[in-house]
Amino acid sequence: MRIKAELALTIILLVLFLTSCIYVDEGRSEDFDCIFYLINSGPEDDFFKILKQGAEDAASEMNIKLETRALRIANNAVAQLEYINEAENAGARGITISPVNDPKVEEKLKDLRLHGVVINSFDRRVDKEICDITVGTDSYESGEIAARRGIEAIGGSGEILVVTNGVSRRSVDRANGFTSYLEALPIDKKTSLSISDTVTDDATKDDAKNKVKESLKGHPDVKLIFATGSAELCGAYEAVSELKLDGIELIGFDVTDQTKELLQNKSIYGLLIPVPYNVGYLSIRYLKKLALNEAVDDTINSGVRFIKAEDAYAEDSKVLLSASLNEEVKP
């Protein structure tokens, strides 16, 4: 009888164990069957390739099936709509997308949200009716980092020229973060630093160059130029070069062929750039949280990296610099 009792107990324990195993497998299978789509607003350039790698790594870790799509022609709304419709027909529970600025694209994303599809926007901030969350660089915080690095570049004292544009919200936020950081400094440090002028261009290199030249003629003691975008940085560099001025450090944002060349040639002090791998990884991670009805912030900061000119050829720097935004600076 004792042997029979022990055998019965063993069978019961085995059944419970197998049941629990089946339950776990079903849960993993359900996660794996969940389909997400990653849709770019342009071709599969270096920036998107690194972003996609981050997304694929996150999807693999979380047992999510991920489909990625890139446009052959940048900002082609018709092509992007086709991929969004493909995602809908495939039963995607989530879409992470850099949406083309087009009313039909936006209306389609709004409609999908109403039908339970979770939407994440990366690389572009959009209306909250269009997406649940935005993953990207915190522009205000990036401006604060630029201020800290800029102060380092001029040894903690000197006049500063800020070059921004009235076109991009990102540019405005970067400028606000920069100036706020300076204003919050202790009085003993603040007195040795001053913003002598702020110029606003139309987001073209030539306009930035002309306005920086005019400003520098009236403020010859400028030691640092902070540029909030690639056009501003390239224009400021040309202004300084044409005026044949020495002793001015330049710091700015975004990787383009032109800004990368300035950095590698040590023509500027440093460059702040987004981290595309983080954008992709965090997009998928938080998209899954949304699909599981978990509460998340509506803005996820993917971070920014500062690269000094002297470190431009370090291995990790070369990886980030290869992820060019693939944009030409407008003349």
C-alpha atoms as a PDB file:
ATOM      1  CA  MET A   1       0.000   0.000   0.000  1.00  0.00           C
ATOM      2  CA  ARG A   2       2.840   2.347   0.856  1.00  0.00           C
ATOM      3  CA  ILE A   3       4.432   1.743  -2.557  1.00  0.00           C
ATOM      4  CA  LYS A   4       1.105   2.422  -4.296  1.00  0.00           C
ATOM      5  CA  ALA A   5       0.674   5.672  -2.334  1.00  0.00           C
ATOM      6  CA  GLU A   6       4.158   6.813  -3.249  1.00  0.00           C
ATOM      7  CA  LEU A   7       3.546   5.927  -6.897  1.00  0.00           C
ATOM      8  CA  ALA A   8       0.272   7.854  -6.910  1.00  0.00           C
ATOM      9  CA  LEU A   9       1.979  10.877  -5.366  1.00  0.00           C
ATOM     10  CA  THR A  10       4.749  10.691  -7.977  1.00  0.00           C
ATOM     11  CA  ILE A  11       2.189  10.586 -10.795  1.00  0.00           C
ATOM     12  CA  ILE A  12       0.304  13.590  -9.357  1.00  0.00           C
ATOM     13  CA  LEU A  13       3.528  15.605  -9.054  1.00  0.00           C
ATOM     14  CA  LEU A  14       4.522  14.650 -12.601  1.00  0.00           C
ATOM     15  CA  VAL A  15       1.141  15.733 -13.966  1.00  0.00           C
ATOM     16  CA  LEU A  16       1.395  19.068 -12.152  1.00  0.00           C
ATOM     17  CA  PHE A  17       4.898  19.602 -13.503  1.00  0.00           C
ATOM     18  CA  LEU A  18       3.891  18.816 -17.077  1.00  0.00           C
ATOM     19  CA  THR A  19       0.823  21.061 -16.785  1.00  0.00           C
ATOM     20  CA  SER A  20       2.971  23.950 -15.636  1.00  0.00           C
ATOM     21  CA  CYS A  21       5.373  23.346 -18.527  1.00  0.00           C
ATOM     22  CA  ILE A  22       2.521  23.402 -21.026  1.00  0.00           C
ATOM     23  CA  TYR A  23       1.230  26.648 -19.531  1.00  0.00           C
ATOM     24  CA  VAL A  24       4.618  28.329 -19.844  1.00  0.00           C
ATOM     25  CA  ASP A  25       5.042  27.125 -23.419  1.00  0.00           C
ATOM     26  CA  GLU A  26       1.608  28.481 -24.345  1.00  0.00           C
ATOM     27  CA  GLY A  27       2.523  31.861 -22.880  1.00  0.00           C
ATOM     28  CA  ARG A  28       5.778  32.015 -24.838  1.00  0.00           C
ATOM     29  CA  SER A  29       3.971  30.899 -27.979  1.00  0.00           C
ATOM     30  CA  GLU A  30       1.433  33.696 -27.576  1.00  0.00           C
ATOM     31  CA  ASP A  31       4.225  36.262 -27.213  1.00  0.00           C
ATOM     32  CA  PHE A  32       6.012  34.848 -30.232  1.00  0.00           C
ATOM     33  CA  ASP A  33       2.845  34.986 -32.318  1.00  0.00           C
ATOM     34  CA  CYS A  34       2.534  38.698 -31.585  1.00  0.00           C
ATOM     35  CA  ILE A  35       3.557  40.599 -34.726  1.00  0.00           C
ATOM     36  CA  PHE A  36       5.060  44.094 -34.704  1.00  0.00           C
ATOM     37  CA  TYR A  37       6.009  46.173 -37.729  1.00  0.00           C
ATOM     38  CA  LEU A  38       8.920  48.604 -37.932  1.00  0.00           C
ATOM     39  CA  ILE A  39       8.378  51.085 -40.790  1.00  0.00           C
ATOM     40  CA  ASN A  40      10.850  53.783 -41.795  1.00  0.00           C
ATOM     41  CA  SER A  41      10.138  57.055 -43.614  1.00  0.00           C
ATOM     42  CA  GLY A  42      13.091  56.610 -45.951  1.00  0.00           C
ATOM     43  CA  PRO A  43      15.545  54.076 -47.416  1.00  0.00           C
ATOM     44  CA  GLU A  44      17.540  51.583 -45.381  1.00  0.00           C
ATOM     45  CA  ASP A  45      20.520  53.862 -44.761  1.00  0.00           C
ATOM     46  CA  ASP A  46      23.205  53.302 -42.101  1.00  0.00           C
ATOM     47  CA  PHE A  47      21.127  55.055 -39.445  1.00  0.00           C
ATOM     48  CA  PHE A  48      18.147  52.785 -40.034  1.00  0.00           C
ATOM     49  CA  LYS A  49      20.307  49.655 -40.227  1.00  0.00           C
ATOM     50  CA  ILE A  50      21.623  50.244 -36.704  1.00  0.00           C
ATOM     51  CA  LEU A  51      18.154  51.188 -35.467  1.00  0.00           C
ATOM     52  CA  LYS A  52      16.777  47.981 -37.000  1.00  0.00           C
ATOM     53  CA  GLN A  53      19.446  45.898 -35.262  1.00  0.00           C
ATOM     54  CA  GLY A  54      18.348  47.297 -31.905  1.00  0.00           C
ATOM     55  CA  ALA A  55      14.713  46.512 -32.722  1.00  0.00           C
ATOM     56  CA  GLU A  56      15.545  42.980 -33.842  1.00  0.00           C
ATOM     57  CA  ASP A  57      17.560  42.305 -30.681  1.00  0.00           C
ATOM     58  CA  ALA A  58      14.655  43.445 -28.514  1.00  0.00           C
ATOM     59  CA  ALA A  59      12.168  41.374 -30.516  1.00  0.00           C
ATOM     60  CA  SER A  60      14.354  38.280 -30.178  1.00  0.00           C
ATOM     61  CA  GLU A  61      14.643  38.740 -26.410  1.00  0.00           C
ATOM     62  CA  MET A  62      10.879  39.158 -26.048  1.00  0.00           C
ATOM     63  CA  ASN A  63       9.743  36.403 -28.423  1.00  0.00           C
ATOM     64  CA  ILE A  64       8.090  38.848 -30.802  1.00  0.00           C
ATOM     65  CA  LYS A  65       7.846  38.407 -34.546  1.00  0.00           C
ATOM     66  CA  LEU A  66       9.131  41.600 -36.157  1.00  0.00           C
ATOM     67  CA  GLU A  67       8.711  42.711 -39.752  1.00  0.00           C
ATOM     68  CA  THR A  68      10.787  45.680 -40.961  1.00  0.00           C
ATOM     69  CA  ARG A  69      10.084  47.866 -43.971  1.00  0.00           C
ATOM     70  CA  ALA A  70      12.010  50.783 -45.481  1.00  0.00           C
ATOM     71  CA  LEU A  71      10.932  53.037 -48.337  1.00  0.00           C
ATOM     72  CA  ARG A  72      12.891  53.117 -51.569  1.00  0.00           C
ATOM     73  CA  ILE A  73      12.161  56.842 -51.876  1.00  0.00           C
ATOM     74  CA  ALA A  74      12.241  59.052 -48.782  1.00  0.00           C
ATOM     75  CA  ASN A  75       8.918  60.457 -47.547  1.00  0.00           C
ATOM     76  CA  ASN A  76       6.844  58.517 -50.089  1.00  0.00           C
ATOM     77  CA  ALA A  77       3.433  58.581 -48.411  1.00  0.00           C
ATOM     78  CA  VAL A  78       1.860  56.133 -50.876  1.00  0.00           C
ATOM     79  CA  ALA A  79       4.522  53.503 -50.221  1.00  0.00           C
ATOM     80  CA  GLN A  80       4.338  53.981 -46.466  1.00  0.00           C
ATOM     81  CA  LEU A  81       0.567  53.595 -46.532  1.00  0.00           C
ATOM     82  CA  GLU A  82       0.993  50.301 -48.366  1.00  0.00           C
ATOM     83  CA  TYR A  83       3.244  49.020 -45.572  1.00  0.00           C
ATOM     84  CA  ILE A  84       0.805  50.219 -42.902  1.00  0.00           C
ATOM     85  CA  ASN A  85      -2.014  48.382 -44.684  1.00  0.00           C
ATOM     86  CA  GLU A  86       0.212  45.304 -44.906  1.00  0.00           C
ATOM     87  CA  ALA A  87       0.765  45.467 -41.144  1.00  0.00           C
ATOM     88  CA  GLU A  88      -2.990  45.750 -40.573  1.00  0.00           C
ATOM     89  CA  ASN A  89      -3.745  42.781 -42.831  1.00  0.00           C
ATOM     90  CA  ALA A  90      -1.075  40.722 -41.052  1.00  0.00           C
ATOM     91  CA  GLY A  91      -2.823  41.352 -37.740  1.00  0.00           C
ATOM     92  CA  ALA A  92      -0.007  43.404 -36.242  1.00  0.00           C
ATOM     93  CA  ARG A  93      -0.629  44.350 -32.619  1.00  0.00           C
ATOM     94  CA  GLY A  94       1.890  47.157 -32.757  1.00  0.00           C
ATOM     95  CA  ILE A  95       3.618  49.465 -35.258  1.00  0.00           C
ATOM     96  CA  THR A  96       6.732  51.506 -34.614  1.00  0.00           C
ATOM     97  CA  ILE A  97       7.064  54.067 -37.375  1.00  0.00           C
ATOM     98  CA  SER A  98       8.778  57.226 -38.508  1.00  0.00           C
ATOM     99  CA  PRO A  99       5.611  58.629 -40.074  1.00  0.00           C
ATOM    100  CA  VAL A 100       5.692  60.577 -43.315  1.00  0.00           C
ATOM    101  CA  ASN A 101       4.193  64.026 -42.824  1.00  0.00           C
ATOM    102  CA  ASP A 102       1.040  63.300 -44.797  1.00  0.00           C
ATOM    103  CA  PRO A 103      -2.651  63.600 -43.785  1.00  0.00           C
ATOM    104  CA  LYS A 104      -3.571  60.168 -45.167  1.00  0.00           C
ATOM    105  CA  VAL A 105      -0.790  58.468 -43.227  1.00  0.00           C
ATOM    106  CA  GLU A 106      -1.815  60.240 -40.046  1.00  0.00           C
ATOM    107  CA  GLU A 107      -5.507  59.426 -40.486  1.00  0.00           C
ATOM    108  CA  LYS A 108      -4.693  55.762 -41.080  1.00  0.00           C
ATOM    109  CA  LEU A 109      -2.610  55.577 -37.901  1.00  0.00           C
ATOM    110  CA  LYS A 110      -5.405  57.265 -35.927  1.00  0.00           C
ATOM    111  CA  ASP A 111      -7.877  54.692 -37.237  1.00  0.00           C
ATOM    112  CA  LEU A 112      -5.622  51.781 -36.299  1.00  0.00           C
ATOM    113  CA  ARG A 113      -5.257  53.131 -32.772  1.00  0.00           C
ATOM    114  CA  LEU A 114      -9.035  53.246 -32.439  1.00  0.00           C
ATOM    115  CA  HIS A 115      -9.077  49.554 -33.367  1.00  0.00           C
ATOM    116  CA  GLY A 116      -6.564  48.535 -30.717  1.00  0.00           C
ATOM    117  CA  VAL A 117      -3.235  48.688 -32.554  1.00  0.00           C
ATOM    118  CA  VAL A 118      -0.547  50.373 -30.455  1.00  0.00           C
ATOM    119  CA  ILE A 119       1.549  52.944 -32.301  1.00  0.00           C
ATOM    120  CA  ASN A 120       5.020  54.265 -31.497  1.00  0.00           C
ATOM    121  CA  SER A 121       6.598  57.141 -33.399  1.00  0.00           C
ATOM    122  CA  PHE A 122      10.371  57.392 -33.636  1.00  0.00           C
ATOM    123  CA  ASP A 123      12.545  60.156 -35.087  1.00  0.00           C
ATOM    124  CA  ARG A 124       9.557  62.507 -35.292  1.00  0.00           C
ATOM    125  CA  ARG A 125       7.241  63.915 -32.641  1.00  0.00           C
ATOM    126  CA  VAL A 126       3.608  63.750 -33.725  1.00  0.00           C
ATOM    127  CA  ASP A 127       0.191  64.490 -32.277  1.00  0.00           C
ATOM    128  CA  LYS A 128      -0.888  62.202 -29.423  1.00  0.00           C
ATOM    129  CA  GLU A 129      -3.971  61.177 -31.414  1.00  0.00           C
ATOM    130  CA  ILE A 130      -1.638  59.575 -33.956  1.00  0.00           C
ATOM    131  CA  CYS A 131       0.662  57.604 -31.655  1.00  0.00           C
ATOM    132  CA  ASP A 132       0.731  56.287 -28.105  1.00  0.00           C
ATOM    133  CA  ILE A 133       4.371  57.098 -27.410  1.00  0.00           C
ATOM    134  CA  THR A 134       7.384  58.762 -29.011  1.00  0.00           C
ATOM    135  CA  VAL A 135      10.889  57.302 -28.728  1.00  0.00           C
ATOM    136  CA  GLY A 136      13.778  59.611 -29.485  1.00  0.00           C
ATOM    137  CA  THR A 137      16.364  61.997 -28.150  1.00  0.00           C
ATOM    138  CA  ASP A 138      15.247  64.464 -25.492  1.00  0.00           C
ATOM    139  CA  SER A 139      16.173  67.693 -27.274  1.00  0.00           C
ATOM    140  CA  TYR A 140      16.022  69.861 -24.157  1.00  0.00           C
ATOM    141  CA  GLU A 141      18.339  67.524 -22.241  1.00  0.00           C
ATOM    142  CA  SER A 142      20.630  67.366 -25.265  1.00  0.00           C
ATOM    143  CA  GLY A 143      20.904  71.143 -25.165  1.00  0.00           C
ATOM    144  CA  GLU A 144      21.948  70.937 -21.516  1.00  0.00           C
ATOM    145  CA  ILE A 145      24.646  68.397 -22.417  1.00  0.00           C
ATOM    146  CA  ALA A 146      25.839  70.701 -25.194  1.00  0.00           C
ATOM    147  CA  ALA A 147      26.123  73.566 -22.707  1.00  0.00           C
ATOM    148  CA  ARG A 148      28.210  71.487 -20.322  1.00  0.00           C
ATOM    149  CA  ARG A 149      30.525  70.370 -23.112  1.00  0.00           C
ATOM    150  CA  GLY A 150      30.720  73.868 -24.550  1.00  0.00           C
ATOM    151  CA  ILE A 151      31.806  75.315 -21.221  1.00  0.00           C
ATOM    152  CA  GLU A 152      34.475  72.616 -21.099  1.00  0.00           C
ATOM    153  CA  ALA A 153      35.666  73.635 -24.583  1.00  0.00           C
ATOM    154  CA  ILE A 154      36.362  77.267 -23.594  1.00  0.00           C
ATOM    155  CA  GLY A 155      37.731  76.565 -20.144  1.00  0.00           C
ATOM    156  CA  GLY A 156      34.728  77.851 -18.246  1.00  0.00           C
ATOM    157  CA  SER A 157      34.731  81.461 -19.413  1.00  0.00           C
ATOM    158  CA  GLY A 158      33.949  83.528 -22.477  1.00  0.00           C
ATOM    159  CA  GLU A 159      31.211  84.892 -24.709  1.00  0.00           C
ATOM    160  CA  ILE A 160      28.866  82.517 -26.508  1.00  0.00           C
ATOM    161  CA  LEU A 161      26.908  82.824 -29.751  1.00  0.00           C
ATOM    162  CA  VAL A 162      23.809  80.630 -30.144  1.00  0.00           C
ATOM    163  CA  VAL A 163      22.693  79.781 -33.697  1.00  0.00           C
ATOM    164  CA  THR A 164      19.246  78.253 -34.052  1.00  0.00           C
ATOM    165  CA  ASN A 165      16.352  78.222 -36.501  1.00  0.00           C
ATOM    166  CA  GLY A 166      12.671  79.007 -36.341  1.00  0.00           C
ATOM    167  CA  VAL A 167      11.656  75.962 -38.378  1.00  0.00           C
ATOM    168  CA  SER A 168      12.332  72.971 -36.137  1.00  0.00           C
ATOM    169  CA  ARG A 169      10.843  72.409 -32.691  1.00  0.00           C
ATOM    170  CA  ARG A 170      13.841  70.196 -31.977  1.00  0.00           C
ATOM    171  CA  SER A 171      16.133  73.140 -32.649  1.00  0.00           C
ATOM    172  CA  VAL A 172      14.167  75.403 -30.323  1.00  0.00           C
ATOM    173  CA  ASP A 173      14.197  72.820 -27.528  1.00  0.00           C
ATOM    174  CA  ARG A 174      17.954  72.367 -27.874  1.00  0.00           C
ATOM    175  CA  ALA A 175      18.498  76.118 -27.618  1.00  0.00           C
ATOM    176  CA  ASN A 176      16.229  76.349 -24.556  1.00  0.00           C
ATOM    177  CA  GLY A 177      18.062  73.501 -22.831  1.00  0.00           C
ATOM    178  CA  PHE A 178      21.384  75.165 -23.531  1.00  0.00           C
ATOM    179  CA  THR A 179      20.418  78.586 -22.186  1.00  0.00           C
ATOM    180  CA  SER A 180      18.603  77.149 -19.167  1.00  0.00           C
ATOM    181  CA  TYR A 181      21.698  75.197 -18.159  1.00  0.00           C
ATOM    182  CA  LEU A 182      23.761  78.389 -18.202  1.00  0.00           C
ATOM    183  CA  GLU A 183      21.140  80.286 -16.211  1.00  0.00           C
ATOM    184  CA  ALA A 184      21.103  77.593 -13.530  1.00  0.00           C
ATOM    185  CA  LEU A 185      24.869  77.726 -12.923  1.00  0.00           C
ATOM    186  CA  PRO A 186      26.163  78.984  -9.555  1.00  0.00           C
ATOM    187  CA  ILE A 187      26.777  82.722  -9.560  1.00  0.00           C
ATOM    188  CA  ASP A 188      30.565  82.375  -9.403  1.00  0.00           C
ATOM    189  CA  LYS A 189      30.580  80.324 -12.623  1.00  0.00           C
ATOM    190  CA  LYS A 190      27.799  82.224 -14.350  1.00  0.00           C
ATOM    191  CA  THR A 191      29.589  85.587 -14.164  1.00  0.00           C
ATOM    192  CA  SER A 192      32.452  84.364 -16.360  1.00  0.00           C
ATOM    193  CA  LEU A 193      30.082  83.165 -19.105  1.00  0.00           C
ATOM    194  CA  SER A 194      27.621  85.112 -21.225  1.00  0.00           C
ATOM    195  CA  ILE A 195      25.491  84.645 -24.321  1.00  0.00           C
ATOM    196  CA  SER A 196      26.409  87.679 -26.363  1.00  0.00           C
ATOM    197  CA  ASP A 197      23.884  87.012 -29.121  1.00  0.00           C
ATOM    198  CA  THR A 198      21.325  84.528 -30.456  1.00  0.00           C
ATOM    199  CA  VAL A 199      20.678  84.426 -34.197  1.00  0.00           C
ATOM    200  CA  THR A 200      17.774  82.662 -35.872  1.00  0.00           C
ATOM    201  CA  ASP A 201      18.075  81.457 -39.458  1.00  0.00           C
ATOM    202  CA  ASP A 202      15.696  79.749 -41.889  1.00  0.00           C
ATOM    203  CA  ALA A 203      17.355  76.315 -41.489  1.00  0.00           C
ATOM    204  CA  THR A 204      19.662  76.792 -44.483  1.00  0.00           C
ATOM    205  CA  LYS A 205      23.445  76.919 -44.388  1.00  0.00           C
ATOM    206  CA  ASP A 206      23.753  80.177 -46.330  1.00  0.00           C
ATOM    207  CA  ASP A 207      21.320  82.061 -44.121  1.00  0.00           C
ATOM    208  CA  ALA A 208      23.096  80.756 -41.020  1.00  0.00           C
ATOM    209  CA  LYS A 209      26.474  81.802 -42.442  1.00  0.00           C
ATOM    210  CA  ASN A 210      25.343  85.328 -43.292  1.00  0.00           C
ATOM    211  CA  LYS A 211      23.715  85.927 -39.917  1.00  0.00           C
ATOM    212  CA  VAL A 212      26.667  84.514 -37.981  1.00  0.00           C
ATOM    213  CA  LYS A 213      29.045  86.759 -39.941  1.00  0.00           C
ATOM    214  CA  GLU A 214      26.984  89.825 -39.077  1.00  0.00           C
ATOM    215  CA  SER A 215      26.801  88.824 -35.415  1.00  0.00           C
ATOM    216  CA  LEU A 216      30.532  88.169 -35.110  1.00  0.00           C
ATOM    217  CA  LYS A 217      31.332  91.595 -36.542  1.00  0.00           C
ATOM    218  CA  GLY A 218      29.443  93.124 -33.618  1.00  0.00           C
ATOM    219  CA  HIS A 219      30.690  90.598 -31.050  1.00  0.00           C
ATOM    220  CA  PRO A 220      34.370  89.973 -31.804  1.00  0.00           C
ATOM    221  CA  ASP A 221      35.077  88.355 -28.420  1.00  0.00           C
ATOM    222  CA  VAL A 222      32.935  85.259 -28.965  1.00  0.00           C
ATOM    223  CA  LYS A 223      34.769  82.104 -27.860  1.00  0.00           C
ATOM    224  CA  LEU A 224      32.066  79.480 -28.452  1.00  0.00           C
ATOM    225  CA  ILE A 225      29.415  79.018 -31.127  1.00  0.00           C
ATOM    226  CA  PHE A 226      26.615  76.610 -30.269  1.00  0.00           C
ATOM    227  CA  ALA A 227      24.645  75.437 -33.322  1.00  0.00           C
ATOM    228  CA  THR A 228      21.352  73.601 -32.855  1.00  0.00           C
ATOM    229  CA  GLY A 229      21.396  71.783 -36.206  1.00  0.00           C
ATOM    230  CA  SER A 230      23.624  70.675 -39.055  1.00  0.00           C
ATOM    231  CA  ALA A 231      22.794  73.653 -41.303  1.00  0.00           C
ATOM    232  CA  GLU A 232      23.580  76.037 -38.453  1.00  0.00           C
ATOM    233  CA  LEU A 233      26.854  74.270 -37.682  1.00  0.00           C
ATOM    234  CA  CYS A 234      28.053  74.213 -41.282  1.00  0.00           C
ATOM    235  CA  GLY A 235      27.023  77.827 -41.836  1.00  0.00           C
ATOM    236  CA  ALA A 236      28.752  78.965 -38.641  1.00  0.00           C
ATOM    237  CA  TYR A 237      31.945  77.167 -39.639  1.00  0.00           C
ATOM    238  CA  GLU A 238      31.967  78.861 -43.043  1.00  0.00           C
ATOM    239  CA  ALA A 239      31.362  82.251 -41.415  1.00  0.00           C
ATOM    240  CA  VAL A 240      34.304  81.827 -39.054  1.00  0.00           C
ATOM    241  CA  SER A 241      36.515  80.606 -41.924  1.00  0.00           C
ATOM    242  CA  GLU A 242      35.595  83.481 -44.245  1.00  0.00           C
ATOM    243  CA  LEU A 243      36.239  86.046 -41.492  1.00  0.00           C
ATOM    244  CA  LYS A 244      39.559  84.291 -40.750  1.00  0.00           C
ATOM    245  CA  LEU A 245      38.875  84.244 -37.018  1.00  0.00           C
ATOM    246  CA  ASP A 246      40.919  82.172 -34.579  1.00  0.00           C
ATOM    247  CA  GLY A 247      40.177  80.951 -31.081  1.00  0.00           C
ATOM    248  CA  ILE A 248      36.483  80.138 -31.608  1.00  0.00           C
ATOM    249  CA  GLU A 249      35.223  76.662 -30.719  1.00  0.00           C
ATOM    250  CA  LEU A 250      32.171  75.214 -32.464  1.00  0.00           C
ATOM    251  CA  ILE A 251      29.809  72.591 -31.128  1.00  0.00           C
ATOM    252  CA  GLY A 252      26.639  71.286 -32.736  1.00  0.00           C
ATOM    253  CA  PHE A 253      24.248  68.478 -33.615  1.00  0.00           C
ATOM    254  CA  ASP A 254      23.508  65.680 -36.051  1.00  0.00           C
ATOM    255  CA  VAL A 255      25.554  63.488 -38.374  1.00  0.00           C
ATOM    256  CA  THR A 256      25.560  64.420 -42.026  1.00  0.00           C
ATOM    257  CA  ASP A 257      28.390  63.969 -44.502  1.00  0.00           C
ATOM    258  CA  GLN A 258      29.361  67.605 -43.947  1.00  0.00           C
ATOM    259  CA  THR A 259      29.309  67.635 -40.143  1.00  0.00           C
ATOM    260  CA  LYS A 260      31.149  64.311 -40.000  1.00  0.00           C
ATOM    261  CA  GLU A 261      33.896  65.765 -42.175  1.00  0.00           C
ATOM    262  CA  LEU A 262      34.147  68.830 -39.940  1.00  0.00           C
ATOM    263  CA  LEU A 263      34.518  66.593 -36.899  1.00  0.00           C
ATOM    264  CA  GLN A 264      37.086  64.260 -38.442  1.00  0.00           C
ATOM    265  CA  ASN A 265      39.124  67.225 -39.702  1.00  0.00           C
ATOM    266  CA  LYS A 266      39.023  68.746 -36.183  1.00  0.00           C
ATOM    267  CA  SER A 267      37.379  71.854 -37.599  1.00  0.00           C
ATOM    268  CA  ILE A 268      34.862  71.777 -34.725  1.00  0.00           C
ATOM    269  CA  TYR A 269      35.209  70.876 -31.063  1.00  0.00           C
ATOM    270  CA  GLY A 270      32.533  68.197 -30.979  1.00  0.00           C
ATOM    271  CA  LEU A 271      29.237  66.818 -32.204  1.00  0.00           C
ATOM    272  CA  LEU A 272      26.132  65.534 -30.417  1.00  0.00           C
ATOM    273  CA  ILE A 273      24.357  62.690 -32.163  1.00  0.00           C
ATOM    274  CA  PRO A 274      21.426  60.348 -31.460  1.00  0.00           C
ATOM    275  CA  VAL A 275      21.989  56.668 -30.688  1.00  0.00           C
ATOM    276  CA  PRO A 276      19.993  54.724 -33.307  1.00  0.00           C
ATOM    277  CA  TYR A 277      20.435  51.310 -31.653  1.00  0.00           C
ATOM    278  CA  ASN A 278      18.714  52.618 -28.513  1.00  0.00           C
ATOM    279  CA  VAL A 279      15.860  54.047 -30.581  1.00  0.00           C
ATOM    280  CA  GLY A 280      15.144  50.651 -32.138  1.00  0.00           C
ATOM    281  CA  TYR A 281      15.569  48.625 -28.956  1.00  0.00           C
ATOM    282  CA  LEU A 282      13.441  50.896 -26.768  1.00  0.00           C
ATOM    283  CA  SER A 283      10.754  51.214 -29.449  1.00  0.00           C
ATOM    284  CA  ILE A 284      10.065  47.477 -29.391  1.00  0.00           C
ATOM    285  CA  ARG A 285      10.438  47.155 -25.633  1.00  0.00           C
ATOM    286  CA  TYR A 286       7.864  49.849 -24.890  1.00  0.00           C
ATOM    287  CA  LEU A 287       5.584  48.822 -27.718  1.00  0.00           C
ATOM    288  CA  LYS A 288       5.228  45.438 -26.038  1.00  0.00           C
ATOM    289  CA  LYS A 289       4.435  47.119 -22.717  1.00  0.00           C
ATOM    290  CA  LEU A 290       1.671  49.058 -24.443  1.00  0.00           C
ATOM    291  CA  ALA A 291       0.331  45.889 -26.072  1.00  0.00           C
ATOM    292  CA  LEU A 292       0.125  44.351 -22.593  1.00  0.00           C
ATOM    293  CA  ASN A 293      -1.754  47.441 -21.308  1.00  0.00           C
ATOM    294  CA  GLU A 294       1.101  48.489 -19.034  1.00  0.00           C
ATOM    295  CA  ALA A 295       1.358  52.164 -18.120  1.00  0.00           C
ATOM    296  CA  VAL A 296       4.322  53.933 -19.766  1.00  0.00           C
ATOM    297  CA  ASP A 297       5.413  57.539 -20.259  1.00  0.00           C
ATOM    298  CA  ASP A 298       4.350  59.051 -23.566  1.00  0.00           C
ATOM    299  CA  THR A 299       7.936  60.117 -24.328  1.00  0.00           C
ATOM    300  CA  ILE A 300      10.895  57.743 -24.063  1.00  0.00           C
ATOM    301  CA  ASN A 301      14.384  59.265 -24.117  1.00  0.00           C
ATOM    302  CA  SER A 302      16.794  57.196 -26.225  1.00  0.00           C
ATOM    303  CA  GLY A 303      19.799  59.313 -25.300  1.00  0.00           C
ATOM    304  CA  VAL A 304      22.490  61.237 -27.124  1.00  0.00           C
ATOM    305  CA  ARG A 305      26.250  60.805 -27.478  1.00  0.00           C
ATOM    306  CA  PHE A 306      28.849  63.565 -27.541  1.00  0.00           C
ATOM    307  CA  ILE A 307      31.924  62.913 -29.667  1.00  0.00           C
ATOM    308  CA  LYS A 308      34.951  65.182 -29.438  1.00  0.00           C
ATOM    309  CA  ALA A 309      36.947  65.734 -32.599  1.00  0.00           C
ATOM    310  CA  GLU A 310      39.972  63.999 -31.072  1.00  0.00           C
ATOM    311  CA  ASP A 311      37.857  60.846 -30.598  1.00  0.00           C
ATOM    312  CA  ALA A 312      36.300  60.804 -34.066  1.00  0.00           C
ATOM    313  CA  TYR A 313      38.272  57.757 -35.171  1.00  0.00           C
ATOM    314  CA  ALA A 314      37.715  55.652 -32.032  1.00  0.00           C
ATOM    315  CA  GLU A 315      35.934  52.393 -32.839  1.00  0.00           C
ATOM    316  CA  ASP A 316      32.679  53.201 -31.029  1.00  0.00           C
ATOM    317  CA  SER A 317      32.662  56.697 -32.542  1.00  0.00           C
ATOM    318  CA  LYS A 318      33.080  55.329 -36.059  1.00  0.00           C
ATOM    319  CA  VAL A 319      30.027  53.118 -35.576  1.00  0.00           C
ATOM    320  CA  LEU A 320      27.874  56.055 -34.521  1.00  0.00           C
ATOM    321  CA  LEU A 321      29.263  58.350 -37.194  1.00  0.00           C
ATOM    322  CA  SER A 322      28.512  55.743 -39.852  1.00  0.00           C
ATOM    323  CA  ALA A 323      24.832  56.114 -38.941  1.00  0.00           C
ATOM    324  CA  SER A 324      24.467  59.288 -40.944  1.00  0.00           C
ATOM    325  CA  LEU A 325      21.071  60.916 -41.215  1.00  0.00           C
ATOM    326  CA  ASN A 326      21.747  60.752 -44.945  1.00  0.00           C
ATOM    327  CA  GLU A 327      20.653  64.334 -45.385  1.00  0.00           C
ATOM    328  CA  GLU A 328      22.326  67.051 -47.379  1.00  0.00           C
ATOM    329  CA  VAL A 329      22.663  70.371 -45.607  1.00  0.00           C
ATOM    330  CA  LYS A 330      20.582  72.841 -47.578  1.00  0.00           C
ATOM    331  CA  PRO A 331      22.685  75.698 -49.015  1.00  0.00           C
END
